[in-house]
Amino acid sequence: STSGYQAYDAIKLKKPDIILLDYEMPLLDGAETLKKF
């Protein structure tokens, strides 16, 4: 996934066993993405 928003949609399709997440991303950074998860 190229963004936190896209990752959240991907989780709904198929739940991963683990997520590798970039900490520094535009729009929704890694910290905010993790909080959303």
PDB file of all heavy atoms in Angstrom:
ATOM      1  N   SER A   1       0.859  -1.180   0.000  1.00  0.00           N
ATOM      2  CA  SER A   1       0.000   0.000   0.000  1.00  0.00           C
ATOM      3  C   SER A   1       0.897   1.232   0.000  1.00  0.00           C
ATOM      4  O   SER A   1       1.944   1.236   0.636  1.00  0.00           O
ATOM      5  CB  SER A   1      -0.876   0.039   1.256  1.00  0.00           C
ATOM      6  OG  SER A   1      -1.798  -1.017   1.253  1.00  0.00           O
ATOM      7  N   THR A   2       0.447   2.272  -0.690  1.00  0.00           N
ATOM      8  CA  THR A   2       1.259   3.488  -0.786  1.00  0.00           C
ATOM      9  C   THR A   2       0.834   4.578   0.198  1.00  0.00           C
ATOM     10  O   THR A   2       1.412   5.657   0.201  1.00  0.00           O
ATOM     11  CB  THR A   2       1.225   4.064  -2.224  1.00  0.00           C
ATOM     12  OG1 THR A   2      -0.133   4.295  -2.589  1.00  0.00           O
ATOM     13  CG2 THR A   2       1.891   3.110  -3.206  1.00  0.00           C
ATOM     14  N   SER A   3      -0.169   4.291   1.031  1.00  0.00           N
ATOM     15  CA  SER A   3      -0.601   5.278   2.030  1.00  0.00           C
ATOM     16  C   SER A   3      -1.293   4.570   3.188  1.00  0.00           C
ATOM     17  O   SER A   3      -1.719   3.418   3.061  1.00  0.00           O
ATOM     18  CB  SER A   3      -1.570   6.290   1.409  1.00  0.00           C
ATOM     19  OG  SER A   3      -2.834   5.679   1.182  1.00  0.00           O
ATOM     20  N   GLY A   4      -1.420   5.292   4.286  1.00  0.00           N
ATOM     21  CA  GLY A   4      -2.131   4.758   5.439  1.00  0.00           C
ATOM     22  C   GLY A   4      -3.592   4.493   5.133  1.00  0.00           C
ATOM     23  O   GLY A   4      -4.162   3.495   5.582  1.00  0.00           O
ATOM     24  N   TYR A   5      -4.201   5.365   4.334  1.00  0.00           N
ATOM     25  CA  TYR A   5      -5.604   5.180   3.961  1.00  0.00           C
ATOM     26  C   TYR A   5      -5.776   3.904   3.139  1.00  0.00           C
ATOM     27  O   TYR A   5      -6.685   3.109   3.379  1.00  0.00           O
ATOM     28  CB  TYR A   5      -6.115   6.386   3.161  1.00  0.00           C
ATOM     29  CG  TYR A   5      -6.124   7.670   3.953  1.00  0.00           C
ATOM     30  CD1 TYR A   5      -5.225   8.686   3.652  1.00  0.00           C
ATOM     31  CD2 TYR A   5      -7.025   7.877   5.002  1.00  0.00           C
ATOM     32  CE1 TYR A   5      -5.219   9.873   4.375  1.00  0.00           C
ATOM     33  CE2 TYR A   5      -7.031   9.051   5.727  1.00  0.00           C
ATOM     34  CZ  TYR A   5      -6.125  10.052   5.412  1.00  0.00           C
ATOM     35  OH  TYR A   5      -6.117  11.209   6.138  1.00  0.00           O
ATOM     36  N   GLN A   6      -4.885   3.721   2.171  1.00  0.00           N
ATOM     37  CA  GLN A   6      -4.933   2.532   1.320  1.00  0.00           C
ATOM     38  C   GLN A   6      -4.691   1.268   2.154  1.00  0.00           C
ATOM     39  O   GLN A   6      -5.318   0.236   1.942  1.00  0.00           O
ATOM     40  CB  GLN A   6      -3.886   2.666   0.208  1.00  0.00           C
ATOM     41  CG  GLN A   6      -4.045   1.672  -0.916  1.00  0.00           C
ATOM     42  CD  GLN A   6      -2.952   1.836  -1.951  1.00  0.00           C
ATOM     43  OE1 GLN A   6      -1.793   1.565  -1.674  1.00  0.00           O
ATOM     44  NE2 GLN A   6      -3.319   2.274  -3.139  1.00  0.00           N
ATOM     45  N   ALA A   7      -3.795   1.359   3.135  1.00  0.00           N
ATOM     46  CA  ALA A   7      -3.493   0.216   4.004  1.00  0.00           C
ATOM     47  C   ALA A   7      -4.724  -0.196   4.798  1.00  0.00           C
ATOM     48  O   ALA A   7      -5.009  -1.393   4.945  1.00  0.00           O
ATOM     49  CB  ALA A   7      -2.351   0.563   4.951  1.00  0.00           C
ATOM     50  N   TYR A   8      -5.455   0.777   5.292  1.00  0.00           N
ATOM     51  CA  TYR A   8      -6.644   0.461   6.079  1.00  0.00           C
ATOM     52  C   TYR A   8      -7.670  -0.272   5.207  1.00  0.00           C
ATOM     53  O   TYR A   8      -8.291  -1.235   5.647  1.00  0.00           O
ATOM     54  CB  TYR A   8      -7.230   1.719   6.717  1.00  0.00           C
ATOM     55  CG  TYR A   8      -8.265   1.369   7.742  1.00  0.00           C
ATOM     56  CD1 TYR A   8      -7.904   0.742   8.935  1.00  0.00           C
ATOM     57  CD2 TYR A   8      -9.608   1.599   7.504  1.00  0.00           C
ATOM     58  CE1 TYR A   8      -8.849   0.368   9.872  1.00  0.00           C
ATOM     59  CE2 TYR A   8     -10.560   1.236   8.439  1.00  0.00           C
ATOM     60  CZ  TYR A   8     -10.178   0.623   9.613  1.00  0.00           C
ATOM     61  OH  TYR A   8     -11.125   0.244  10.525  1.00  0.00           O
ATOM     62  N   ASP A   9      -7.822   0.153   3.955  1.00  0.00           N
ATOM     63  CA  ASP A   9      -8.724  -0.542   3.028  1.00  0.00           C
ATOM     64  C   ASP A   9      -8.228  -1.956   2.753  1.00  0.00           C
ATOM     65  O   ASP A   9      -9.017  -2.895   2.676  1.00  0.00           O
ATOM     66  CB  ASP A   9      -8.848   0.237   1.710  1.00  0.00           C
ATOM     67  CG  ASP A   9      -9.631   1.536   1.874  1.00  0.00           C
ATOM     68  OD1 ASP A   9     -10.376   1.678   2.874  1.00  0.00           O
ATOM     69  OD2 ASP A   9      -9.482   2.416   1.013  1.00  0.00           O
ATOM     70  N   ALA A  10      -6.912  -2.113   2.619  1.00  0.00           N
ATOM     71  CA  ALA A  10      -6.321  -3.429   2.339  1.00  0.00           C
ATOM     72  C   ALA A  10      -6.575  -4.400   3.497  1.00  0.00           C
ATOM     73  O   ALA A  10      -6.826  -5.589   3.274  1.00  0.00           O
ATOM     74  CB  ALA A  10      -4.819  -3.297   2.082  1.00  0.00           C
ATOM     75  N   ILE A  11      -6.530  -3.899   4.721  1.00  0.00           N
ATOM     76  CA  ILE A  11      -6.769  -4.744   5.903  1.00  0.00           C
ATOM     77  C   ILE A  11      -8.191  -5.294   5.884  1.00  0.00           C
ATOM     78  O   ILE A  11      -8.429  -6.431   6.282  1.00  0.00           O
ATOM     79  CB  ILE A  11      -6.502  -3.951   7.202  1.00  0.00           C
ATOM     80  CG1 ILE A  11      -5.009  -3.734   7.371  1.00  0.00           C
ATOM     81  CG2 ILE A  11      -7.069  -4.678   8.419  1.00  0.00           C
ATOM     82  CD1 ILE A  11      -4.651  -2.794   8.500  1.00  0.00           C
ATOM     83  N   LYS A  12      -9.128  -4.489   5.400  1.00  0.00           N
ATOM     84  CA  LYS A  12     -10.517  -4.945   5.328  1.00  0.00           C
ATOM     85  C   LYS A  12     -10.672  -6.086   4.324  1.00  0.00           C
ATOM     86  O   LYS A  12     -11.518  -6.954   4.500  1.00  0.00           O
ATOM     87  CB  LYS A  12     -11.433  -3.784   4.952  1.00  0.00           C
ATOM     88  CG  LYS A  12     -11.544  -2.729   6.040  1.00  0.00           C
ATOM     89  CD  LYS A  12     -12.402  -1.576   5.564  1.00  0.00           C
ATOM     90  CE  LYS A  12     -12.403  -0.445   6.561  1.00  0.00           C
ATOM     91  NZ  LYS A  12     -13.098   0.732   6.056  1.00  0.00           N
ATOM     92  N   LEU A  13      -9.861  -6.072   3.262  1.00  0.00           N
ATOM     93  CA  LEU A  13      -9.928  -7.124   2.246  1.00  0.00           C
ATOM     94  C   LEU A  13      -9.277  -8.417   2.715  1.00  0.00           C
ATOM     95  O   LEU A  13      -9.807  -9.498   2.514  1.00  0.00           O
ATOM     96  CB  LEU A  13      -9.248  -6.660   0.945  1.00  0.00           C
ATOM     97  CG  LEU A  13      -9.914  -5.496   0.229  1.00  0.00           C
ATOM     98  CD1 LEU A  13      -9.061  -5.050  -0.953  1.00  0.00           C
ATOM     99  CD2 LEU A  13     -11.308  -5.902  -0.247  1.00  0.00           C
ATOM    100  N   LYS A  14      -8.084  -8.290   3.305  1.00  0.00           N
ATOM    101  CA  LYS A  14      -7.372  -9.465   3.824  1.00  0.00           C
ATOM    102  C   LYS A  14      -6.513  -9.023   5.002  1.00  0.00           C
ATOM    103  O   LYS A  14      -5.565  -8.251   4.834  1.00  0.00           O
ATOM    104  CB  LYS A  14      -6.497 -10.104   2.749  1.00  0.00           C
ATOM    105  CG  LYS A  14      -5.805 -11.357   3.269  1.00  0.00           C
ATOM    106  CD  LYS A  14      -5.035 -12.102   2.209  1.00  0.00           C
ATOM    107  CE  LYS A  14      -4.420 -13.338   2.834  1.00  0.00           C
ATOM    108  NZ  LYS A  14      -3.623 -14.083   1.898  1.00  0.00           N
ATOM    109  N   LYS A  15      -6.849  -9.529   6.176  1.00  0.00           N
ATOM    110  CA  LYS A  15      -6.131  -9.135   7.386  1.00  0.00           C
ATOM    111  C   LYS A  15      -4.708  -9.704   7.352  1.00  0.00           C
ATOM    112  O   LYS A  15      -4.517 -10.910   7.250  1.00  0.00           O
ATOM    113  CB  LYS A  15      -6.874  -9.642   8.619  1.00  0.00           C
ATOM    114  CG  LYS A  15      -6.247  -9.197   9.919  1.00  0.00           C
ATOM    115  CD  LYS A  15      -7.052  -9.674  11.105  1.00  0.00           C
ATOM    116  CE  LYS A  15      -6.370  -9.264  12.401  1.00  0.00           C
ATOM    117  NZ  LYS A  15      -7.131  -9.716  13.558  1.00  0.00           N
ATOM    118  N   PRO A  16      -3.711  -8.830   7.457  1.00  0.00           N
ATOM    119  CA  PRO A  16      -2.323  -9.310   7.472  1.00  0.00           C
ATOM    120  C   PRO A  16      -1.940  -9.875   8.844  1.00  0.00           C
ATOM    121  O   PRO A  16      -2.563  -9.551   9.855  1.00  0.00           O
ATOM    122  CB  PRO A  16      -1.505  -8.056   7.157  1.00  0.00           C
ATOM    123  CG  PRO A  16      -2.355  -6.930   7.651  1.00  0.00           C
ATOM    124  CD  PRO A  16      -3.788  -7.369   7.484  1.00  0.00           C
ATOM    125  N   ASP A  17      -0.911 -10.709   8.853  1.00  0.00           N
ATOM    126  CA  ASP A  17      -0.364 -11.208  10.113  1.00  0.00           C
ATOM    127  C   ASP A  17       0.542 -10.163  10.745  1.00  0.00           C
ATOM    128  O   ASP A  17       0.726 -10.140  11.956  1.00  0.00           O
ATOM    129  CB  ASP A  17       0.436 -12.498   9.865  1.00  0.00           C
ATOM    130  CG  ASP A  17      -0.479 -13.615   9.393  1.00  0.00           C
ATOM    131  OD1 ASP A  17      -1.304 -14.071  10.208  1.00  0.00           O
ATOM    132  OD2 ASP A  17      -0.382 -14.010   8.214  1.00  0.00           O
ATOM    133  N   ILE A  18       1.102  -9.296   9.889  1.00  0.00           N
ATOM    134  CA  ILE A  18       2.014  -8.248  10.357  1.00  0.00           C
ATOM    135  C   ILE A  18       2.013  -7.108   9.343  1.00  0.00           C
ATOM    136  O   ILE A  18       1.772  -7.325   8.153  1.00  0.00           O
ATOM    137  CB  ILE A  18       3.442  -8.809  10.580  1.00  0.00           C
ATOM    138  CG1 ILE A  18       4.325  -7.798  11.316  1.00  0.00           C
ATOM    139  CG2 ILE A  18       4.062  -9.286   9.275  1.00  0.00           C
ATOM    140  CD1 ILE A  18       5.579  -8.423  11.911  1.00  0.00           C
ATOM    141  N   ILE A  19       2.288  -5.895   9.829  1.00  0.00           N
ATOM    142  CA  ILE A  19       2.352  -4.717   8.966  1.00  0.00           C
ATOM    143  C   ILE A  19       3.728  -4.076   9.102  1.00  0.00           C
ATOM    144  O   ILE A  19       4.212  -3.864  10.216  1.00  0.00           O
ATOM    145  CB  ILE A  19       1.273  -3.691   9.351  1.00  0.00           C
ATOM    146  CG1 ILE A  19      -0.131  -4.299   9.210  1.00  0.00           C
ATOM    147  CG2 ILE A  19       1.409  -2.413   8.513  1.00  0.00           C
ATOM    148  CD1 ILE A  19      -1.241  -3.465   9.813  1.00  0.00           C
ATOM    149  N   LEU A  20       4.344  -3.781   7.964  1.00  0.00           N
ATOM    150  CA  LEU A  20       5.589  -3.002   7.912  1.00  0.00           C
ATOM    151  C   LEU A  20       5.169  -1.609   7.471  1.00  0.00           C
ATOM    152  O   LEU A  20       4.632  -1.434   6.381  1.00  0.00           O
ATOM    153  CB  LEU A  20       6.577  -3.611   6.920  1.00  0.00           C
ATOM    154  CG  LEU A  20       6.908  -5.085   7.125  1.00  0.00           C
ATOM    155  CD1 LEU A  20       7.888  -5.562   6.053  1.00  0.00           C
ATOM    156  CD2 LEU A  20       7.466  -5.337   8.504  1.00  0.00           C
ATOM    157  N   LEU A  21       5.383  -0.615   8.319  1.00  0.00           N
ATOM    158  CA  LEU A  21       4.799   0.714   8.130  1.00  0.00           C
ATOM    159  C   LEU A  21       5.850   1.810   8.129  1.00  0.00           C
ATOM    160  O   LEU A  21       6.619   1.941   9.083  1.00  0.00           O
ATOM    161  CB  LEU A  21       3.785   0.949   9.263  1.00  0.00           C
ATOM    162  CG  LEU A  21       3.071   2.281   9.344  1.00  0.00           C
ATOM    163  CD1 LEU A  21       2.232   2.538   8.102  1.00  0.00           C
ATOM    164  CD2 LEU A  21       2.197   2.321  10.596  1.00  0.00           C
ATOM    165  N   ASP A  22       5.851   2.607   7.069  1.00  0.00           N
ATOM    166  CA  ASP A  22       6.746   3.761   6.990  1.00  0.00           C
ATOM    167  C   ASP A  22       6.328   4.788   8.036  1.00  0.00           C
ATOM    168  O   ASP A  22       5.147   5.116   8.158  1.00  0.00           O
ATOM    169  CB  ASP A  22       6.669   4.367   5.590  1.00  0.00           C
ATOM    170  CG  ASP A  22       7.623   5.518   5.361  1.00  0.00           C
ATOM    171  OD1 ASP A  22       8.562   5.698   6.175  1.00  0.00           O
ATOM    172  OD2 ASP A  22       7.445   6.251   4.372  1.00  0.00           O
ATOM    173  N   TYR A  23       7.299   5.280   8.782  1.00  0.00           N
ATOM    174  CA  TYR A  23       7.011   6.258   9.830  1.00  0.00           C
ATOM    175  C   TYR A  23       6.747   7.646   9.255  1.00  0.00           C
ATOM    176  O   TYR A  23       5.922   8.399   9.766  1.00  0.00           O
ATOM    177  CB  TYR A  23       8.172   6.295  10.827  1.00  0.00           C
ATOM    178  CG  TYR A  23       7.939   7.216  12.005  1.00  0.00           C
ATOM    179  CD1 TYR A  23       6.979   6.913  12.962  1.00  0.00           C
ATOM    180  CD2 TYR A  23       8.675   8.379  12.150  1.00  0.00           C
ATOM    181  CE1 TYR A  23       6.754   7.749  14.042  1.00  0.00           C
ATOM    182  CE2 TYR A  23       8.459   9.221  13.228  1.00  0.00           C
ATOM    183  CZ  TYR A  23       7.494   8.909  14.168  1.00  0.00           C
ATOM    184  OH  TYR A  23       7.276   9.736  15.238  1.00  0.00           O
ATOM    185  N   GLU A  24       7.455   7.994   8.184  1.00  0.00           N
ATOM    186  CA  GLU A  24       7.357   9.342   7.610  1.00  0.00           C
ATOM    187  C   GLU A  24       6.684   9.292   6.244  1.00  0.00           C
ATOM    188  O   GLU A  24       7.325   9.024   5.238  1.00  0.00           O
ATOM    189  CB  GLU A  24       8.749   9.955   7.490  1.00  0.00           C
ATOM    190  CG  GLU A  24       9.421  10.141   8.835  1.00  0.00           C
ATOM    191  CD  GLU A  24      10.927  10.326   8.733  1.00  0.00           C
ATOM    192  OE1 GLU A  24      11.443  10.458   7.619  1.00  0.00           O
ATOM    193  OE2 GLU A  24      11.575  10.328   9.786  1.00  0.00           O
ATOM    194  N   MET A  25       5.372   9.563   6.237  1.00  0.00           N
ATOM    195  CA  MET A  25       4.603   9.601   4.987  1.00  0.00           C
ATOM    196  C   MET A  25       3.792  10.886   4.943  1.00  0.00           C
ATOM    197  O   MET A  25       3.428  11.414   5.993  1.00  0.00           O
ATOM    198  CB  MET A  25       3.632   8.410   4.908  1.00  0.00           C
ATOM    199  CG  MET A  25       4.280   7.064   4.762  1.00  0.00           C
ATOM    200  SD  MET A  25       3.078   5.737   4.466  1.00  0.00           S
ATOM    201  CE  MET A  25       2.211   5.681   6.033  1.00  0.00           C
ATOM    202  N   PRO A  26       3.486  11.357   3.728  1.00  0.00           N
ATOM    203  CA  PRO A  26       2.634  12.541   3.620  1.00  0.00           C
ATOM    204  C   PRO A  26       1.182  12.200   3.989  1.00  0.00           C
ATOM    205  O   PRO A  26       0.801  11.029   4.015  1.00  0.00           O
ATOM    206  CB  PRO A  26       2.748  12.926   2.143  1.00  0.00           C
ATOM    207  CG  PRO A  26       3.162  11.685   1.437  1.00  0.00           C
ATOM    208  CD  PRO A  26       3.947  10.872   2.431  1.00  0.00           C
ATOM    209  N   LEU A  27       0.396  13.202   4.246  1.00  0.00           N
ATOM    210  CA  LEU A  27      -1.020  13.100   4.593  1.00  0.00           C
ATOM    211  C   LEU A  27      -1.251  12.404   5.932  1.00  0.00           C
ATOM    212  O   LEU A  27      -1.536  13.036   6.919  1.00  0.00           O
ATOM    213  CB  LEU A  27      -1.824  12.402   3.482  1.00  0.00           C
ATOM    214  CG  LEU A  27      -1.753  13.044   2.098  1.00  0.00           C
ATOM    215  CD1 LEU A  27      -2.518  12.208   1.084  1.00  0.00           C
ATOM    216  CD2 LEU A  27      -2.284  14.473   2.126  1.00  0.00           C
ATOM    217  N   LEU A  28      -1.131  11.093   5.959  1.00  0.00           N
ATOM    218  CA  LEU A  28      -1.349  10.321   7.178  1.00  0.00           C
ATOM    219  C   LEU A  28      -0.027   9.620   7.486  1.00  0.00           C
ATOM    220  O   LEU A  28       0.325   8.644   6.839  1.00  0.00           O
ATOM    221  CB  LEU A  28      -2.469   9.299   6.930  1.00  0.00           C
ATOM    222  CG  LEU A  28      -3.028   8.554   8.125  1.00  0.00           C
ATOM    223  CD1 LEU A  28      -3.761   9.511   9.069  1.00  0.00           C
ATOM    224  CD2 LEU A  28      -3.999   7.479   7.655  1.00  0.00           C
ATOM    225  N   ASP A  29       0.724  10.142   8.468  1.00  0.00           N
ATOM    226  CA  ASP A  29       2.041   9.558   8.748  1.00  0.00           C
ATOM    227  C   ASP A  29       1.906   8.224   9.481  1.00  0.00           C
ATOM    228  O   ASP A  29       0.797   7.780   9.815  1.00  0.00           O
ATOM    229  CB  ASP A  29       2.936  10.535   9.504  1.00  0.00           C
ATOM    230  CG  ASP A  29       2.484  10.823  10.930  1.00  0.00           C
ATOM    231  OD1 ASP A  29       1.648  10.081  11.470  1.00  0.00           O
ATOM    232  OD2 ASP A  29       2.991  11.792  11.508  1.00  0.00           O
ATOM    233  N   GLY A  30       3.030   7.579   9.721  1.00  0.00           N
ATOM    234  CA  GLY A  30       3.023   6.262  10.349  1.00  0.00           C
ATOM    235  C   GLY A  30       2.389   6.259  11.728  1.00  0.00           C
ATOM    236  O   GLY A  30       1.653   5.339  12.081  1.00  0.00           O
ATOM    237  N   ALA A  31       2.656   7.285  12.524  1.00  0.00           N
ATOM    238  CA  ALA A  31       2.093   7.358  13.876  1.00  0.00           C
ATOM    239  C   ALA A  31       0.568   7.449  13.817  1.00  0.00           C
ATOM    240  O   ALA A  31      -0.140   6.744  14.547  1.00  0.00           O
ATOM    241  CB  ALA A  31       2.673   8.552  14.625  1.00  0.00           C
ATOM    242  N   GLU A  32       0.046   8.299  12.941  1.00  0.00           N
ATOM    243  CA  GLU A  32      -1.405   8.448  12.796  1.00  0.00           C
ATOM    244  C   GLU A  32      -2.032   7.178  12.216  1.00  0.00           C
ATOM    245  O   GLU A  32      -3.132   6.788  12.608  1.00  0.00           O
ATOM    246  CB  GLU A  32      -1.739   9.658  11.908  1.00  0.00           C
ATOM    247  CG  GLU A  32      -1.488  10.976  12.593  1.00  0.00           C
ATOM    248  CD  GLU A  32      -2.360  11.160  13.831  1.00  0.00           C
ATOM    249  OE1 GLU A  32      -3.576  10.891  13.778  1.00  0.00           O
ATOM    250  OE2 GLU A  32      -1.818  11.568  14.875  1.00  0.00           O
ATOM    251  N   THR A  33      -1.331   6.551  11.282  1.00  0.00           N
ATOM    252  CA  THR A  33      -1.824   5.302  10.688  1.00  0.00           C
ATOM    253  C   THR A  33      -1.915   4.217  11.757  1.00  0.00           C
ATOM    254  O   THR A  33      -2.930   3.517  11.859  1.00  0.00           O
ATOM    255  CB  THR A  33      -0.908   4.855   9.529  1.00  0.00           C
ATOM    256  OG1 THR A  33      -0.866   5.884   8.536  1.00  0.00           O
ATOM    257  CG2 THR A  33      -1.407   3.569   8.897  1.00  0.00           C
ATOM    258  N   LEU A  34      -0.880   4.100  12.567  1.00  0.00           N
ATOM    259  CA  LEU A  34      -0.892   3.107  13.645  1.00  0.00           C
ATOM    260  C   LEU A  34      -2.038   3.378  14.620  1.00  0.00           C
ATOM    261  O   LEU A  34      -2.748   2.458  15.036  1.00  0.00           O
ATOM    262  CB  LEU A  34       0.452   3.099  14.378  1.00  0.00           C
ATOM    263  CG  LEU A  34       0.553   2.128  15.562  1.00  0.00           C
ATOM    264  CD1 LEU A  34       0.327   0.690  15.123  1.00  0.00           C
ATOM    265  CD2 LEU A  34       1.909   2.260  16.236  1.00  0.00           C
ATOM    266  N   LYS A  35      -2.231   4.650  14.960  1.00  0.00           N
ATOM    267  CA  LYS A  35      -3.326   5.019  15.859  1.00  0.00           C
ATOM    268  C   LYS A  35      -4.666   4.580  15.264  1.00  0.00           C
ATOM    269  O   LYS A  35      -5.515   4.020  15.961  1.00  0.00           O
ATOM    270  CB  LYS A  35      -3.308   6.534  16.089  1.00  0.00           C
ATOM    271  CG  LYS A  35      -4.336   7.009  17.077  1.00  0.00           C
ATOM    272  CD  LYS A  35      -4.218   8.512  17.290  1.00  0.00           C
ATOM    273  CE  LYS A  35      -5.315   8.976  18.219  1.00  0.00           C
ATOM    274  NZ  LYS A  35      -5.540  10.400  18.159  1.00  0.00           N
ATOM    275  N   LYS A  36      -4.848   4.804  13.971  1.00  0.00           N
ATOM    276  CA  LYS A  36      -6.077   4.414  13.271  1.00  0.00           C
ATOM    277  C   LYS A  36      -6.248   2.890  13.314  1.00  0.00           C
ATOM    278  O   LYS A  36      -7.347   2.398  13.575  1.00  0.00           O
ATOM    279  CB  LYS A  36      -6.012   4.925  11.830  1.00  0.00           C
ATOM    280  CG  LYS A  36      -7.289   4.785  11.043  1.00  0.00           C
ATOM    281  CD  LYS A  36      -7.117   5.512   9.712  1.00  0.00           C
ATOM    282  CE  LYS A  36      -8.255   5.277   8.759  1.00  0.00           C
ATOM    283  NZ  LYS A  36      -9.486   5.941   9.116  1.00  0.00           N
ATOM    284  N   PHE A  37      -5.167   2.144  13.089  1.00  0.00           N
ATOM    285  CA  PHE A  37      -5.240   0.678  13.157  1.00  0.00           C
ATOM    286  C   PHE A  37      -5.694   0.228  14.542  1.00  0.00           C
ATOM    287  O   PHE A  37      -6.511  -0.669  14.680  1.00  0.00           O
ATOM    288  CB  PHE A  37      -3.884   0.029  12.864  1.00  0.00           C
ATOM    289  CG  PHE A  37      -3.395   0.145  11.456  1.00  0.00           C
ATOM    290  CD1 PHE A  37      -2.043   0.022  11.187  1.00  0.00           C
ATOM    291  CD2 PHE A  37      -4.253   0.367  10.394  1.00  0.00           C
ATOM    292  CE1 PHE A  37      -1.562   0.107   9.892  1.00  0.00           C
ATOM    293  CE2 PHE A  37      -3.783   0.469   9.090  1.00  0.00           C
ATOM    294  CZ  PHE A  37      -2.432   0.338   8.839  1.00  0.00           C
TER     295      PHE A  37
END
